[in-house]
Protein backbone atom coordinates (compact mmCIF):
# COMPACT_ATOMS: atom_id res chain seq x y z
CA MET A 1 -0.03 0.14 0.02
CA ARG A 2 2.45 2.62 -1.30
CA ASP A 3 2.28 5.44 -3.42
CA ASP A 4 5.78 5.08 -4.39
CA PRO A 5 7.45 6.85 -7.47
CA GLY A 6 9.98 4.01 -8.29
CA SER A 7 7.75 1.26 -8.30
CA ALA A 8 7.06 1.29 -12.02
CA GLU A 9 10.11 1.89 -14.77
CA ALA A 10 9.37 5.80 -15.28
CA PRO A 11 9.52 6.32 -19.38
CA ALA A 12 12.89 8.18 -20.67
CA ASN A 13 12.56 10.68 -23.31
CA THR A 14 14.99 9.22 -25.23
CA THR A 15 14.08 10.86 -28.74
CA SER A 16 14.51 14.49 -27.98
CA GLY A 17 18.08 14.41 -26.40
CA PRO A 18 20.28 15.14 -22.88
CA ALA A 19 18.31 18.38 -22.26
CA ALA A 20 14.85 17.14 -22.47
CA ASP A 21 15.77 14.01 -20.56
CA ASP A 22 17.41 16.21 -17.61
CA LEU A 23 14.12 18.47 -17.71
CA THR A 24 11.85 15.20 -17.55
CA GLU A 25 13.80 14.06 -14.59
CA ARG A 26 13.78 17.40 -12.65
CA VAL A 27 9.75 17.82 -13.59
CA ARG A 28 9.52 14.18 -12.08
CA SER A 29 11.12 15.14 -9.02
CA PHE A 30 9.44 18.27 -8.24
CA VAL A 31 5.76 16.89 -8.41
CA ASP A 32 6.77 13.65 -6.63
CA HIS A 33 8.49 15.81 -3.93
CA GLN A 34 6.84 18.90 -3.58
CA VAL A 35 3.49 18.52 -5.38
CA ILE A 36 2.45 15.45 -4.48
CA PRO A 37 2.60 15.67 -0.60
CA VAL A 38 0.63 18.98 -0.59
CA GLU A 39 -1.81 18.03 -3.89
CA ASP A 40 -4.80 17.92 -1.82
CA GLU A 41 -4.48 21.79 -0.72
CA ILE A 42 -3.36 22.86 -3.91
CA ALA A 43 -6.93 23.71 -5.35
CA THR A 44 -8.42 25.39 -2.60
CA ASP A 45 -5.49 27.00 -0.92
CA ARG A 46 -3.99 29.89 -3.10
CA GLU A 47 -1.05 30.63 -0.93
CA THR A 48 -0.04 26.72 -1.61
CA CYS A 49 -0.20 26.91 -4.97
CA ALA A 50 1.24 30.54 -5.37
CA ARG A 51 4.33 29.12 -3.31
CA LEU A 52 4.66 26.20 -5.42
CA ARG A 53 4.48 28.48 -8.83
CA THR A 54 7.14 30.45 -7.45
CA ALA A 55 9.41 27.34 -6.77
CA ALA A 56 8.51 26.03 -10.37
CA ARG A 57 9.38 29.19 -11.89
CA ALA A 58 12.99 29.04 -9.83
CA ALA A 59 13.58 25.50 -11.01
CA GLY A 60 12.96 26.54 -14.68
CA LEU A 61 9.71 24.31 -15.07
CA PHE A 62 7.19 26.68 -15.43
CA ALA A 63 5.09 26.86 -18.39
CA PRO A 64 6.62 24.32 -20.70
CA SER A 65 4.18 24.51 -23.57
CA ALA A 66 4.30 28.57 -23.85
CA PRO A 67 6.78 30.25 -26.23
CA THR A 68 9.76 31.55 -24.90
CA ALA A 69 9.06 35.12 -26.04
CA TYR A 70 6.39 34.93 -23.29
CA GLY A 71 8.46 33.33 -20.33
CA GLY A 72 7.64 29.92 -21.14
CA LEU A 73 10.12 26.83 -22.32
CA GLY A 74 9.01 26.64 -25.72
CA LEU A 75 9.06 22.63 -25.68
CA SER A 76 8.27 21.14 -29.26
CA MET A 77 5.22 18.56 -29.14
CA LEU A 78 7.73 15.62 -28.70
CA GLU A 79 9.33 17.35 -25.86
CA GLN A 80 5.96 18.00 -24.20
CA ALA A 81 5.53 14.51 -24.32
CA ALA A 82 7.42 13.05 -21.54
CA VAL A 83 7.19 16.17 -19.59
CA LEU A 84 3.39 16.71 -19.44
CA GLU A 85 3.20 13.16 -18.59
CA GLU A 86 5.15 13.74 -15.48
CA ALA A 87 3.32 16.86 -14.70
CA GLY A 88 0.29 14.56 -14.89
CA ARG A 89 1.53 12.43 -12.15
CA SER A 90 -0.56 14.86 -9.92
CA LEU A 91 -4.17 16.14 -10.75
CA ALA A 92 -2.23 19.47 -9.39
CA GLY A 93 0.53 18.89 -11.24
CA PRO A 94 -0.51 21.15 -14.55
CA LEU A 95 -1.99 23.71 -12.61
CA VAL A 96 1.37 24.39 -10.91
CA LEU A 97 3.54 24.11 -13.94
CA ASN A 98 1.18 26.39 -15.83
CA CYS A 99 0.46 23.68 -18.57
CA ALA A 100 -3.14 22.63 -17.34
CA ALA A 101 -6.18 22.69 -19.87
CA PRO A 102 -7.74 25.12 -20.93
CA ASP A 103 -4.82 27.79 -20.60
CA GLU A 104 -2.26 25.50 -22.38
CA GLY A 105 -4.21 25.46 -25.48
CA ASN A 106 -5.21 28.65 -25.55
CA MET A 107 -1.85 29.85 -25.08
CA THR A 108 -0.94 27.47 -28.19
CA LEU A 109 -4.04 29.05 -30.05
CA LEU A 110 -2.98 33.18 -29.20
CA ASP A 111 0.59 32.05 -30.15
CA HIS A 112 -0.36 31.15 -33.76
CA VAL A 113 -3.14 33.37 -34.60
CA ALA A 114 -3.37 36.67 -32.22
CA THR A 115 -2.07 40.12 -33.24
CA PRO A 116 0.96 41.13 -31.89
CA THR A 117 -1.49 43.60 -29.49
CA GLN A 118 -3.33 40.46 -28.53
CA ARG A 119 -0.37 38.48 -27.58
CA GLU A 120 0.94 41.42 -25.36
CA GLN A 121 -2.71 42.00 -23.88
CA TYR A 122 -3.85 38.10 -23.75
CA LEU A 123 -0.90 35.97 -24.05
CA ARG A 124 1.83 37.27 -21.80
CA PRO A 125 -0.16 37.43 -18.65
CA LEU A 126 -1.63 33.88 -19.60
CA ALA A 127 1.99 32.41 -19.94
CA ALA A 128 3.09 33.91 -16.59
CA GLY A 129 0.36 32.32 -14.81
CA GLU A 130 -1.26 35.77 -13.77
CA ILE A 131 -4.73 35.03 -15.28
CA ARG A 132 -6.87 32.52 -16.41
CA SER A 133 -8.73 31.83 -19.56
CA ALA A 134 -11.68 29.74 -20.90
CA PHE A 135 -12.37 28.53 -24.39
CA ALA A 136 -16.20 28.81 -25.17
CA MET A 137 -17.54 26.50 -28.12
CA THR A 138 -19.87 23.84 -26.45
CA GLU A 139 -23.39 24.79 -26.29
CA PRO A 140 -26.58 23.17 -25.15
CA ALA A 141 -28.71 20.92 -27.57
CA PRO A 142 -29.33 21.24 -30.08
CA GLY A 143 -26.05 23.66 -30.27
CA ALA A 144 -22.46 22.58 -30.96
CA GLY A 145 -21.14 19.91 -29.10
CA SER A 146 -19.41 17.13 -30.69
CA ASP A 147 -20.53 18.36 -34.11
CA PRO A 148 -19.24 22.26 -34.20
CA THR A 149 -20.98 23.07 -37.16
CA ALA A 150 -24.35 23.10 -35.15
CA LEU A 151 -23.17 26.30 -33.61
CA THR A 152 -25.95 28.52 -32.82
CA THR A 153 -24.38 31.44 -30.98
CA THR A 154 -24.19 34.50 -33.42
CA ALA A 155 -22.03 37.48 -34.03
CA VAL A 156 -23.24 40.43 -36.13
CA ARG A 157 -21.65 43.84 -37.10
CA ASP A 158 -22.95 46.83 -35.53
CA ARG A 159 -21.36 50.38 -36.25
CA GLY A 160 -17.60 48.73 -36.40
CA ASP A 161 -18.41 46.88 -33.35
CA TRP A 162 -19.46 43.18 -32.99
CA VAL A 163 -22.84 41.91 -30.91
CA ILE A 164 -22.64 38.32 -29.86
CA GLU A 165 -25.77 36.66 -28.85
CA GLY A 166 -26.11 32.95 -27.46
CA ARG A 167 -25.53 30.28 -24.84
CA LYS A 168 -22.60 28.23 -23.92
CA TRP A 169 -22.31 25.36 -21.50
CA PHE A 170 -19.56 22.93 -19.84
CA ILE A 171 -17.07 26.04 -20.41
CA THR A 172 -14.01 24.52 -18.61
CA GLY A 173 -12.60 27.27 -16.28
CA ALA A 174 -15.39 29.78 -17.15
CA ASP A 175 -15.46 31.22 -13.42
CA GLY A 176 -12.53 33.26 -12.62
CA ALA A 177 -11.19 33.35 -16.03
CA ALA A 178 -9.79 36.88 -17.32
CA PHE A 179 -11.05 36.45 -20.70
CA LEU A 180 -12.91 33.67 -23.09
CA ILE A 181 -12.12 32.67 -26.81
CA VAL A 182 -15.85 32.50 -27.70
CA MET A 183 -16.63 30.69 -31.07
CA ALA A 184 -19.95 32.19 -32.76
CA ARG A 185 -21.59 32.07 -36.38
CA THR A 186 -20.74 34.90 -38.52
CA GLY A 187 -22.11 33.42 -41.86
CA PRO A 188 -24.52 30.55 -43.03
CA ASP A 189 -21.20 28.30 -42.82
CA ALA A 190 -18.68 30.50 -41.22
CA ALA A 191 -17.73 31.61 -37.64
CA THR A 192 -15.28 33.92 -35.97
CA MET A 193 -13.57 33.52 -32.55
CA PHE A 194 -13.69 36.67 -30.56
CA LEU A 195 -11.82 37.40 -27.29
CA VAL A 196 -14.25 38.57 -24.86
CA ASP A 197 -12.92 39.97 -21.44
CA ALA A 198 -14.74 38.84 -17.84
CA GLY A 199 -16.91 41.82 -17.08
CA THR A 200 -17.94 43.09 -20.44
CA PRO A 201 -21.59 43.97 -20.61
CA GLY A 202 -23.76 41.07 -21.40
CA LEU A 203 -21.40 38.32 -20.53
CA THR A 204 -22.49 36.31 -17.64
CA VAL A 205 -20.93 33.22 -16.18
CA GLY A 206 -23.52 31.17 -14.42
CA ARG A 207 -23.54 27.87 -12.25
CA HIS A 208 -20.93 25.35 -12.26
CA ILE A 209 -22.20 22.03 -13.90
CA PRO A 210 -22.16 19.35 -11.13
CA THR A 211 -19.90 16.59 -12.83
CA ILE A 212 -18.02 13.46 -11.65
CA ASP A 213 -15.09 14.86 -11.92
CA GLY A 214 -13.90 18.09 -10.13
CA GLY A 215 -9.80 18.63 -11.01
CA PHE A 216 -10.53 21.56 -13.50
CA VAL A 217 -9.72 25.16 -11.55
CA GLY A 218 -13.01 27.32 -12.52
CA GLY A 219 -15.17 24.28 -12.96
CA HIS A 220 -17.66 23.78 -15.78
CA CYS A 221 -19.90 26.65 -16.66
CA GLN A 222 -22.81 27.83 -17.95
CA VAL A 223 -22.22 31.14 -20.12
CA ALA A 224 -24.79 33.38 -21.54
CA LEU A 225 -23.91 36.16 -23.78
CA GLU A 226 -26.53 38.91 -24.23
CA ARG A 227 -26.12 41.44 -26.63
CA CYS A 228 -22.38 41.51 -25.66
CA ARG A 229 -20.67 44.27 -27.24
CA VAL A 230 -17.24 43.84 -28.65
CA PRO A 231 -14.68 45.78 -30.56
CA SER A 232 -13.15 44.61 -33.91
CA SER A 233 -10.20 44.52 -32.23
CA ALA A 234 -11.57 41.51 -30.27
CA VAL A 235 -11.60 39.18 -33.45
CA LEU A 236 -9.18 36.71 -33.01
CA GLY A 237 -7.92 35.30 -36.27
CA GLU A 238 -9.77 36.23 -39.52
CA VAL A 239 -13.39 36.75 -39.92
CA ASP A 240 -15.10 33.55 -41.06
CA ARG A 241 -12.11 31.40 -40.37
CA GLY A 242 -13.00 30.41 -36.68
CA PHE A 243 -13.83 26.68 -37.65
CA ALA A 244 -10.16 26.64 -39.55
CA ASN A 245 -8.12 28.39 -36.66
CA ALA A 246 -9.56 26.52 -34.23
CA GLN A 247 -7.88 23.45 -35.43
CA VAL A 248 -4.23 25.08 -34.36
CA ARG A 249 -6.04 24.38 -31.21
CA LEU A 250 -8.11 21.11 -30.97
CA GLY A 251 -5.59 18.43 -32.33
CA PRO A 252 -2.44 19.88 -30.30
CA ALA A 253 -4.69 19.67 -27.09
CA ARG A 254 -6.36 16.76 -27.75
CA LEU A 255 -2.91 15.22 -27.43
CA THR A 256 -1.31 17.42 -24.29
CA HIS A 257 -4.65 15.56 -22.66
CA CYS A 258 -3.28 12.69 -23.58
CA MET A 259 0.10 13.15 -21.93
CA ARG A 260 -1.50 14.29 -18.94
CA TRP A 261 -3.66 11.68 -18.26
CA LEU A 262 -0.79 9.37 -19.22
CA GLY A 263 0.86 10.59 -16.10
CA ILE A 264 -2.16 9.91 -13.46
CA ALA A 265 -2.74 6.71 -15.07
CA ARG A 266 0.95 5.67 -14.42
CA ARG A 267 0.90 6.74 -10.83
CA ALA A 268 -2.34 4.80 -10.52
CA HIS A 269 -0.45 1.51 -11.76
CA GLU A 270 2.53 2.17 -9.37
CA ILE A 271 0.36 2.63 -6.48
CA MET A 272 -1.04 -0.60 -7.07
CA LEU A 273 2.07 -2.21 -7.60
CA GLY A 274 3.40 -1.11 -4.48
CA TYR A 275 -0.11 -2.51 -3.10
CA VAL A 276 0.04 -6.18 -4.82
CA LEU A 277 4.19 -6.37 -3.73
CA ASP A 278 2.65 -5.98 0.49
CA ARG A 279 -0.36 -7.69 0.22
CA GLU A 280 -0.52 -11.30 1.12
CA LEU A 281 -3.15 -13.82 0.44
CA PHE A 282 -3.77 -17.60 -0.19
CA GLY A 283 -0.25 -18.27 1.17
CA SER A 284 1.47 -15.82 -1.33
CA ARG A 285 1.97 -12.03 -2.37
CA LEU A 286 -1.19 -10.98 -4.52
CA ALA A 287 1.93 -10.17 -7.19
CA ASP A 288 2.53 -13.53 -7.49
CA LEU A 289 -0.96 -14.70 -8.46
CA GLY A 290 -1.78 -15.25 -11.99
CA LEU A 291 -4.85 -13.45 -12.07
CA ALA A 292 -3.00 -10.39 -10.54
CA GLN A 293 -0.44 -10.32 -13.04
CA HIS A 294 -2.55 -10.75 -16.10
CA LEU A 295 -4.28 -7.46 -14.75
CA ILE A 296 -0.65 -5.88 -14.13
CA ALA A 297 0.61 -7.18 -17.76
CA ASP A 298 -2.46 -5.63 -19.25
CA ASN A 299 -1.62 -2.11 -17.55
CA GLU A 300 2.13 -2.40 -18.61
CA ILE A 301 0.65 -2.86 -22.09
CA ASP A 302 -1.84 -0.04 -22.33
CA LEU A 303 1.02 2.37 -20.84
CA ALA A 304 3.69 1.53 -23.60
CA ALA A 305 1.35 1.60 -26.34
CA SER A 306 -0.58 4.88 -25.31
CA ARG A 307 3.11 6.25 -24.81
CA ALA A 308 4.34 5.11 -28.20
CA LEU A 309 0.82 6.57 -29.74
CA VAL A 310 1.33 9.89 -28.03
CA ARG A 311 5.04 10.28 -29.56
CA THR A 312 4.13 9.45 -32.86
CA THR A 313 1.54 11.81 -33.07
CA ALA A 314 3.41 14.60 -31.16
CA ALA A 315 6.31 14.10 -33.72
CA THR A 316 3.57 14.12 -36.88
CA LEU A 317 2.34 17.61 -35.37
CA ASP A 318 5.88 19.06 -35.05
CA GLU A 319 6.77 17.80 -38.84
CA ARG A 320 3.56 18.64 -40.26
CA GLY A 321 1.86 21.32 -37.90
CA ARG A 322 -1.50 19.35 -38.31
CA ALA A 323 -2.56 15.40 -37.71
CA ASN A 324 -6.26 15.22 -37.49
CA ASN A 325 -6.43 11.76 -38.19
CA GLU A 326 -3.61 10.86 -35.76
CA THR A 327 -5.07 12.97 -32.81
CA SER A 328 -8.27 11.48 -33.05
CA ILE A 329 -6.52 7.89 -32.80
CA ALA A 330 -4.46 9.05 -30.08
CA LYS A 331 -7.14 10.44 -28.11
CA THR A 332 -9.63 7.45 -28.77
CA PHE A 333 -7.09 4.49 -27.56
CA VAL A 334 -5.30 6.65 -24.64
CA SER A 335 -8.46 8.02 -23.15
CA GLU A 336 -10.08 4.33 -23.00
CA ALA A 337 -6.70 2.89 -22.08
CA VAL A 338 -6.24 5.32 -18.78
CA GLY A 339 -9.62 4.23 -17.85
CA ARG A 340 -8.41 0.50 -18.35
CA ILE A 341 -5.34 1.29 -16.43
CA VAL A 342 -7.10 3.35 -13.36
CA ASP A 343 -9.88 0.79 -13.22
CA ARG A 344 -7.52 -2.65 -13.13
CA SER A 345 -5.56 -0.45 -10.31
CA VAL A 346 -8.62 0.07 -8.25
CA GLN A 347 -9.55 -3.82 -8.70
CA LEU A 348 -6.41 -5.35 -7.66
CA CYS A 349 -6.28 -2.81 -4.25
CA GLY A 350 -9.74 -4.12 -3.30
CA ALA A 351 -11.42 -2.18 -0.83
CA GLN A 352 -8.60 0.13 -0.59
CA GLY A 353 -8.78 0.82 -4.04
CA VAL A 354 -12.53 2.08 -3.74
CA SER A 355 -11.69 3.79 -0.63
CA HIS A 356 -10.22 7.34 -0.10
CA ASP A 357 -7.48 5.97 1.62
CA LEU A 358 -5.71 5.70 -1.11
CA PRO A 359 -6.02 8.45 -4.58
CA LEU A 360 -7.48 5.85 -6.70
CA ALA A 361 -11.05 6.25 -6.36
CA ARG A 362 -10.87 9.85 -7.21
CA PHE A 363 -8.51 9.36 -10.14
CA LEU A 364 -11.32 6.78 -11.66
CA ALA A 365 -13.86 9.97 -11.24
CA GLU A 366 -11.60 12.10 -12.82
CA VAL A 367 -10.32 10.09 -15.95
CA ARG A 368 -13.57 8.77 -16.85
CA PRO A 369 -14.99 12.09 -18.42
CA PHE A 370 -11.88 12.07 -21.21
CA ARG A 371 -13.92 9.78 -23.39
CA ILE A 372 -16.39 12.44 -23.83
CA TYR A 373 -14.27 15.56 -23.37
CA ASP A 374 -12.32 16.73 -26.61
CA GLY A 375 -14.69 14.42 -28.62
CA ALA A 376 -16.36 11.41 -27.92
CA SER A 377 -14.79 8.09 -28.52
CA GLU A 378 -17.59 7.57 -30.85
CA VAL A 379 -17.03 11.04 -33.03
CA HIS A 380 -13.58 10.38 -33.17
CA ARG A 381 -14.16 6.81 -34.37
CA TRP A 382 -16.70 7.70 -36.88
CA ALA A 383 -14.36 10.59 -38.41
CA VAL A 384 -11.42 7.89 -38.52
CA ALA A 385 -13.73 5.60 -40.40
CA ARG A 386 -14.45 8.35 -42.90
CA ARG A 387 -11.09 9.15 -43.62
CA ALA A 388 -9.88 5.36 -44.15
CA VAL A 389 -12.73 4.77 -46.40
CA ARG A 390 -11.83 8.13 -48.31
CA ARG A 391 -8.09 7.00 -48.85
CA TYR A 392 -9.48 3.78 -50.28
CA GLU A 393 -11.76 5.32 -52.45
CA ALA A 394 -9.43 7.54 -53.85
CA ALA A 395 -6.52 4.91 -54.15
CA ARG A 396 -8.75 2.71 -56.07
CA THR A 397 -9.92 5.34 -58.06
CA ALA A 398 -6.38 6.05 -59.10
CA GLY A 399 -5.51 2.37 -59.53
CA ALA A 400 -3.11 1.59 -56.88
CA THR A 401 -5.22 -1.03 -54.60
CA HIS A 402 -6.31 -4.17 -55.34
CA ALA A 403 -9.50 -6.01 -54.77
């Protein structure tokens, strides 16, 4: 019954060189020795969070995903793979290191599509950890959810400004966010993203939607926009290019979610290994029983396969900038594998696993929604299948396949 970071083999970041390996090891040590011992306090105690953020900055570990021009470490996607996995060993690790959702994805989006003025106003304080943000695309039915083209929130021009009308829901981190990136329809088949500051007249952040997970600061909130007027300078990216520009954020954000959740799955596996080594029954250690070994092996396989998918997809993103099919595959597999890993760990720890004497029960609640967040598994499978059929049809038309 140990939460022992040495119980399972931690992954080496052998693909990115000694500097990245050193950073990965330092993040691992920081999370294990400074974050995990006080992780239950961090979300509710601002002083503890602020103290650890100061320590992370001093250690050169803060904002690994943010660009160097704005104080971040500027890591490539492949370099982030190992670092964010280590940060994710604690539910509070990404918050402390300033690489948590939705801020991490919003930093990527702002870096790629914001104007210089917008970068100074929004990206710089976000990268510094001075403010939080939210990404407001999801709407209550029949609005945008798994199908973003069902967007019902609208924005219309009015005397040089834009007036936004609509309802959003399940907007992660909205309570306390300094600004929201709002997706609104600006044409029959077009959308635009807008930067909407907290306190803008017409913008209301409503109730927190109760969910089985509770690890996101600022909750999952309802948001109303009622004649919410913003200037033309609030347009993020180009007018009518919102869907295309959002892809800059959505694909990489799916993958960084996988990285972080892989960290918590690995920690669950390690806790379980410590337990089965110490637990004796039927005349032997639980670790030596065949059925237990089967579950342990399946965890190891899911961990290795998930890590390989994450890193292959990260390398593709670094090389091509976009990897829609690869991120769909990785997100679907990893979200389900993480759930299996944590569930097996709970099972092997028995009553301890479902109690709150160990953190496994909380991990299980936190990882379950990942199969829905950032696109449900079923939607990603549908997209992967459609792409496969199109590729085959195109190849057959060109005479490159055999019946």
